[in-house]
Protein backbone atom coordinates (compact mmCIF):
# COMPACT_ATOMS: atom_id res chain seq x y z
CA MET A 1 41.40 45.36 -16.51
CA ILE A 2 41.36 41.99 -18.68
CA TYR A 3 43.13 41.96 -22.00
CA GLU A 4 43.16 38.56 -23.46
CA PRO A 5 40.28 36.91 -21.41
CA TYR A 6 40.74 33.06 -21.85
CA TYR A 7 38.00 30.51 -20.89
CA THR A 8 38.25 26.83 -20.43
CA ILE A 9 36.06 24.28 -18.83
CA GLU A 10 37.58 21.84 -16.52
CA PHE A 11 35.76 18.73 -16.43
CA SER A 12 35.70 15.20 -14.97
CA ALA A 13 33.57 12.15 -16.33
CA ALA A 14 32.94 8.41 -15.46
CA ALA A 15 30.75 5.70 -17.21
CA CYS A 16 29.13 7.35 -19.96
CA TYR A 17 29.11 9.25 -22.78
CA PHE A 18 29.15 12.88 -22.49
CA GLU A 19 28.78 16.32 -24.34
CA ILE A 20 29.18 19.83 -23.53
CA LEU A 21 27.71 22.60 -25.64
CA ILE A 22 28.81 26.27 -25.17
CA ASN A 23 25.76 28.38 -26.88
CA ASP A 24 24.92 25.24 -28.56
CA ILE A 25 28.25 24.91 -29.90
CA PRO A 26 29.72 21.44 -29.08
CA VAL A 27 33.17 21.87 -26.67
CA ILE A 28 33.61 18.43 -26.05
CA SER A 29 31.82 14.79 -26.36
CA MET A 30 33.61 11.47 -25.71
CA GLU A 31 32.58 8.41 -24.28
CA THR A 32 34.34 6.95 -21.71
CA THR A 33 33.97 3.35 -19.72
CA GLY A 34 36.39 4.50 -16.82
CA GLN A 35 37.40 8.13 -16.10
CA VAL A 36 38.40 11.05 -17.84
CA SER A 37 39.01 14.70 -16.50
CA THR A 38 41.01 17.54 -18.43
CA ASN A 39 41.01 20.90 -19.22
CA ILE A 40 39.84 22.84 -22.18
CA PRO A 41 39.87 26.04 -24.55
CA ILE A 42 36.39 27.23 -25.30
CA ASN A 43 36.59 30.59 -26.39
CA TYR A 44 35.87 29.80 -29.91
CA ALA A 45 32.27 29.06 -28.91
CA ILE A 46 31.81 32.50 -27.36
CA TYR A 47 30.97 34.98 -30.39
CA LYS A 48 29.54 37.83 -28.03
CA SER A 49 29.76 39.62 -24.72
CA GLY A 50 26.88 38.38 -21.92
CA GLU A 51 25.53 35.71 -20.64
CA GLN A 52 26.80 32.38 -22.28
CA LEU A 53 24.62 29.21 -22.05
CA ILE A 54 25.97 25.88 -21.55
CA THR A 55 24.12 22.62 -21.85
CA ALA A 56 25.75 18.66 -20.62
CA THR A 57 24.50 15.67 -21.88
CA ILE A 58 25.08 12.26 -20.33
CA LYS A 59 24.10 9.25 -22.56
CA ALA A 60 24.54 5.47 -21.57
CA ILE A 61 27.75 4.13 -22.71
CA SER A 62 27.49 1.83 -26.29
CA GLY A 63 25.52 -1.34 -26.33
CA GLN A 64 23.73 -0.20 -22.65
CA GLN A 65 20.28 1.23 -22.89
CA ASP A 66 20.43 2.96 -19.54
CA LEU A 67 23.05 5.08 -17.79
CA ASN A 68 25.29 3.34 -15.27
CA SER A 69 24.72 3.75 -11.88
CA GLU A 70 28.46 5.32 -12.12
CA ALA A 71 28.01 7.93 -14.22
CA ALA A 72 28.86 10.87 -13.96
CA LEU A 73 29.94 14.58 -15.24
CA ARG A 74 30.88 17.61 -13.19
CA PHE A 75 32.00 20.73 -14.55
CA ASN A 76 33.17 24.79 -13.91
CA VAL A 77 34.29 27.29 -16.30
CA ARG A 78 37.26 28.81 -15.48
CA LEU A 79 38.79 32.13 -17.06
CA MET A 80 42.76 33.44 -17.29
CA ASP A 81 44.22 36.45 -18.66
CA VAL A 82 46.68 35.14 -21.13
CA ALA A 83 48.12 39.07 -22.25
CA ASN A 84 51.76 38.82 -22.74
CA ASN A 85 52.14 35.13 -23.14
CA GLU A 86 50.84 34.61 -19.21
CA PHE A 87 48.29 32.65 -17.76
CA LYS A 88 46.97 34.61 -14.95
CA HIS A 89 44.25 33.09 -13.00
CA VAL A 90 41.37 35.77 -12.96
CA ASN A 91 38.29 33.65 -11.36
CA ASP A 92 36.26 30.25 -11.22
CA PHE A 93 32.68 29.62 -12.08
CA ALA A 94 30.25 27.75 -10.20
CA GLU A 95 30.86 24.02 -10.31
CA THR A 96 27.95 22.26 -12.23
CA ILE A 97 27.51 18.53 -11.08
CA PHE A 98 25.49 15.42 -12.40
CA GLU A 99 23.73 13.79 -9.74
CA LYS A 100 24.16 9.80 -9.48
CA VAL A 101 21.60 7.65 -10.58
CA GLY A 102 20.33 5.29 -8.07
CA LYS A 103 20.84 1.37 -9.49
CA ASP A 104 17.35 1.22 -9.91
CA GLN A 105 16.71 4.45 -11.68
CA LYS A 106 16.48 3.40 -15.51
CA THR A 107 16.98 6.19 -17.86
CA PRO A 108 19.02 6.57 -21.27
CA SER A 109 20.25 9.93 -20.65
CA LEU A 110 19.97 13.38 -18.86
CA THR A 111 20.66 16.86 -19.36
CA ILE A 112 21.40 19.77 -17.70
CA ALA A 113 22.05 23.56 -18.09
CA SER A 114 23.86 26.01 -16.53
CA ALA A 115 25.17 30.08 -18.00
CA PHE A 116 28.24 32.31 -17.02
CA VAL A 117 28.60 35.32 -18.12
CA ALA A 118 31.43 36.13 -20.01
CA GLU A 119 33.45 39.40 -21.84
CA ILE A 120 35.37 39.06 -25.15
CA PRO A 121 37.47 41.82 -26.71
CA TYR A 122 37.37 40.26 -30.22
CA THR A 123 34.82 39.78 -32.90
CA LEU A 124 34.46 36.97 -34.86
CA THR A 125 32.35 35.54 -38.06
CA LYS A 126 29.34 34.70 -36.58
CA TRP A 127 27.32 31.69 -37.69
CA ASN A 128 24.15 33.03 -36.02
CA ASP A 129 24.28 35.42 -39.11
CA GLY A 130 23.72 32.58 -41.30
CA GLU A 131 20.68 30.82 -42.82
CA ASN A 132 18.53 28.72 -41.06
CA LEU A 133 19.18 25.05 -42.40
CA ASN A 134 15.51 23.86 -42.51
CA ASP A 135 15.20 26.09 -45.37
CA VAL A 136 17.85 24.67 -47.37
CA GLU A 137 16.77 22.42 -50.23
CA LYS A 138 18.64 18.73 -50.43
CA LEU A 139 21.01 19.84 -47.38
CA GLY A 140 22.02 15.94 -47.03
CA GLU A 141 23.10 16.06 -50.59
CA LYS A 142 25.21 18.95 -50.13
CA LEU A 143 26.60 18.28 -46.88
CA ILE A 144 28.27 14.73 -48.22
CA ALA A 145 29.30 16.89 -51.26
CA GLN A 146 31.19 19.15 -48.87
CA TYR A 147 32.87 16.57 -47.20
CA ASN A 148 33.51 14.70 -51.05
CA ASN A 149 34.92 17.58 -51.75
CA LEU A 150 37.63 18.31 -49.06
CA ALA A 151 38.58 14.66 -49.26
CA GLU A 152 39.32 14.83 -52.63
CA LEU A 153 41.49 18.08 -52.21
CA LEU A 154 43.67 16.19 -49.66
CA GLU A 155 43.79 13.07 -51.70
CA SER A 156 45.18 14.95 -54.75
CA GLU A 157 47.55 17.31 -52.27
CA LYS A 158 45.73 20.57 -53.16
CA TYR A 159 46.48 21.90 -50.33
CA SER A 160 46.00 25.80 -50.68
CA GLU A 161 42.58 24.82 -51.99
CA PHE A 162 41.96 22.85 -48.58
CA ILE A 163 42.98 25.58 -46.90
CA ASP A 164 41.23 28.07 -48.85
CA LYS A 165 38.06 25.98 -47.29
CA ILE A 166 38.56 26.18 -43.91
CA LYS A 167 40.15 29.69 -43.71
CA THR A 168 37.21 31.35 -41.62
CA ARG A 169 37.25 28.32 -39.30
CA GLU A 170 41.04 29.03 -38.46
CA ARG A 171 40.61 32.83 -38.59
CA ASN A 172 37.92 32.70 -36.02
CA MET A 173 40.20 30.13 -34.10
CA ALA A 174 43.16 32.68 -34.26
CA THR A 175 41.06 35.36 -33.37
CA SER A 176 39.86 33.83 -30.35
CA MET A 177 42.89 32.10 -29.41
CA TYR A 178 44.80 35.12 -29.54
CA LEU A 179 47.25 33.62 -31.90
CA SER A 180 49.55 35.10 -33.72
CA ALA A 181 49.95 35.00 -37.55
CA SER A 182 53.02 32.85 -37.28
CA GLU A 183 50.99 30.29 -34.11
CA SER A 184 48.13 30.02 -36.74
CA LYS A 185 49.99 29.41 -39.54
CA ASP A 186 51.47 26.33 -37.58
CA ARG A 187 48.46 25.28 -36.53
CA ILE A 188 47.69 24.93 -40.20
CA ASP A 189 51.13 23.43 -41.50
CA SER A 190 50.73 20.62 -38.64
CA LEU A 191 47.36 19.07 -40.34
CA ILE A 192 48.76 19.30 -44.02
CA GLU A 193 52.25 17.53 -42.59
CA GLU A 194 49.73 14.87 -40.94
CA ALA A 195 48.37 14.44 -44.48
CA LYS A 196 51.44 14.46 -46.14
CA ASN A 197 53.05 11.72 -43.77
CA GLY A 198 50.77 8.48 -44.25
CA PHE A 199 47.48 10.20 -42.66
CA LYS A 200 44.59 8.92 -45.55
CA VAL A 201 40.69 9.96 -45.61
CA MET A 202 38.75 7.75 -44.56
CA PRO A 203 35.24 6.75 -46.40
CA LEU A 204 32.29 8.49 -44.48
CA PRO A 205 31.03 5.31 -42.00
CA ALA A 206 27.75 3.53 -42.22
CA ASP A 207 26.34 4.80 -39.27
CA THR A 208 27.06 8.37 -40.55
CA THR A 209 24.01 10.90 -39.65
CA LEU A 210 23.61 14.41 -39.66
CA LYS A 211 23.97 16.39 -36.18
CA PHE A 212 22.64 19.99 -36.03
CA TYR A 213 23.64 22.73 -33.60
CA GLY A 214 24.08 26.59 -33.66
CA TYR A 215 20.29 26.46 -32.36
CA GLY A 216 19.61 25.20 -36.37
CA LYS A 217 22.28 27.33 -38.24
CA LEU A 218 24.91 24.90 -38.03
CA VAL A 219 25.33 21.29 -39.36
CA THR A 220 27.92 18.61 -39.30
CA LEU A 221 28.15 14.79 -39.87
CA LYS A 222 28.87 12.52 -36.69
CA LYS A 223 28.98 8.75 -36.16
CA SER A 224 26.66 7.18 -33.91
CA ASN A 225 29.36 7.33 -31.17
CA GLY A 226 28.94 10.89 -31.46
CA GLU A 227 32.92 11.12 -33.08
CA PRO A 228 33.43 13.06 -36.42
CA ALA A 229 32.36 11.25 -39.28
CA PHE A 230 35.28 13.36 -41.39
CA TYR A 231 38.91 11.57 -40.42
CA LEU A 232 42.14 10.61 -41.46
CA PHE A 233 43.58 7.28 -40.97
CA ASN A 234 47.56 6.01 -40.58
CA LYS A 235 47.85 2.65 -41.54
CA GLU A 236 51.43 2.23 -40.27
CA THR A 237 50.98 3.79 -37.06
CA LYS A 238 47.13 2.89 -36.11
CA GLU A 239 46.28 6.26 -35.61
CA GLU A 240 43.20 8.19 -36.33
CA LEU A 241 43.09 11.95 -36.87
CA MET A 242 39.30 13.45 -36.40
CA LEU A 243 38.50 16.49 -38.58
CA GLU A 244 35.33 18.10 -37.04
CA GLN A 245 34.06 20.92 -39.29
CA MET A 246 31.10 22.77 -38.55
CA PHE A 247 28.49 24.18 -42.26
CA TYR A 248 26.69 27.11 -42.45
CA VAL A 249 25.14 29.06 -45.30
CA PRO A 250 25.57 32.70 -44.64
CA LYS A 251 23.06 35.24 -44.87
CA GLY A 252 22.12 35.78 -48.62
CA LYS A 253 24.10 32.74 -49.96
CA THR A 254 22.58 29.45 -51.11
CA GLU A 255 25.80 27.05 -50.38
CA LEU A 256 27.45 25.65 -47.36
CA GLU A 257 30.46 27.19 -46.25
CA ILE A 258 32.74 26.31 -43.19
CA ILE A 259 33.04 28.07 -39.83
């Protein structure tokens, strides 16, 4: 019996912008002109046991209209049991591989879908219980107002109010990742420390657009290159700290909340 199933997705990509979604929740999006490979946790995108849908897309890198002939993406889901703070390998699911684009083939993007079956012991606050965002009036204005409020809270050092805004997201993350109370607190404290030590909220970029996920029940703001539009910057170290926040409208409510 697996007491604390811990799902990750292992991937390798080259010469493309790529995005991988689990149940229409983005777990990784990145542009690489060379090669990149790693393994990342995905439990937070699994909200119920059963079949989980993976959708992956590769696109031409910035400045190009079509996919490079070297564009590549391959990935597979892995299952570990992390009970008692041990990482025990349990299973690897089938690998998915994009076919290479021919040198004479002109296409700006490719998409592929696959699935795997997961069993989870936890319960999350579910985004799919929210309202359809197409029914929300002035959604763009409301979303920008939410981002401006987050920025104001950080800039005015109202950290307890900022933490209250992200509490549902952090509770979901702690639950799905089996974090202890102290580990969950450390996650939040680390972010606040960055804000206190030189990281400042940057204005939303001019190329900011609304991006919908969760089959139309989640929304966020993104740059044109797929990065979160809400980010902090440290002028001394030249480092960026990107804060991707997903918003939804809980059933029966009218205002956006972070989840």
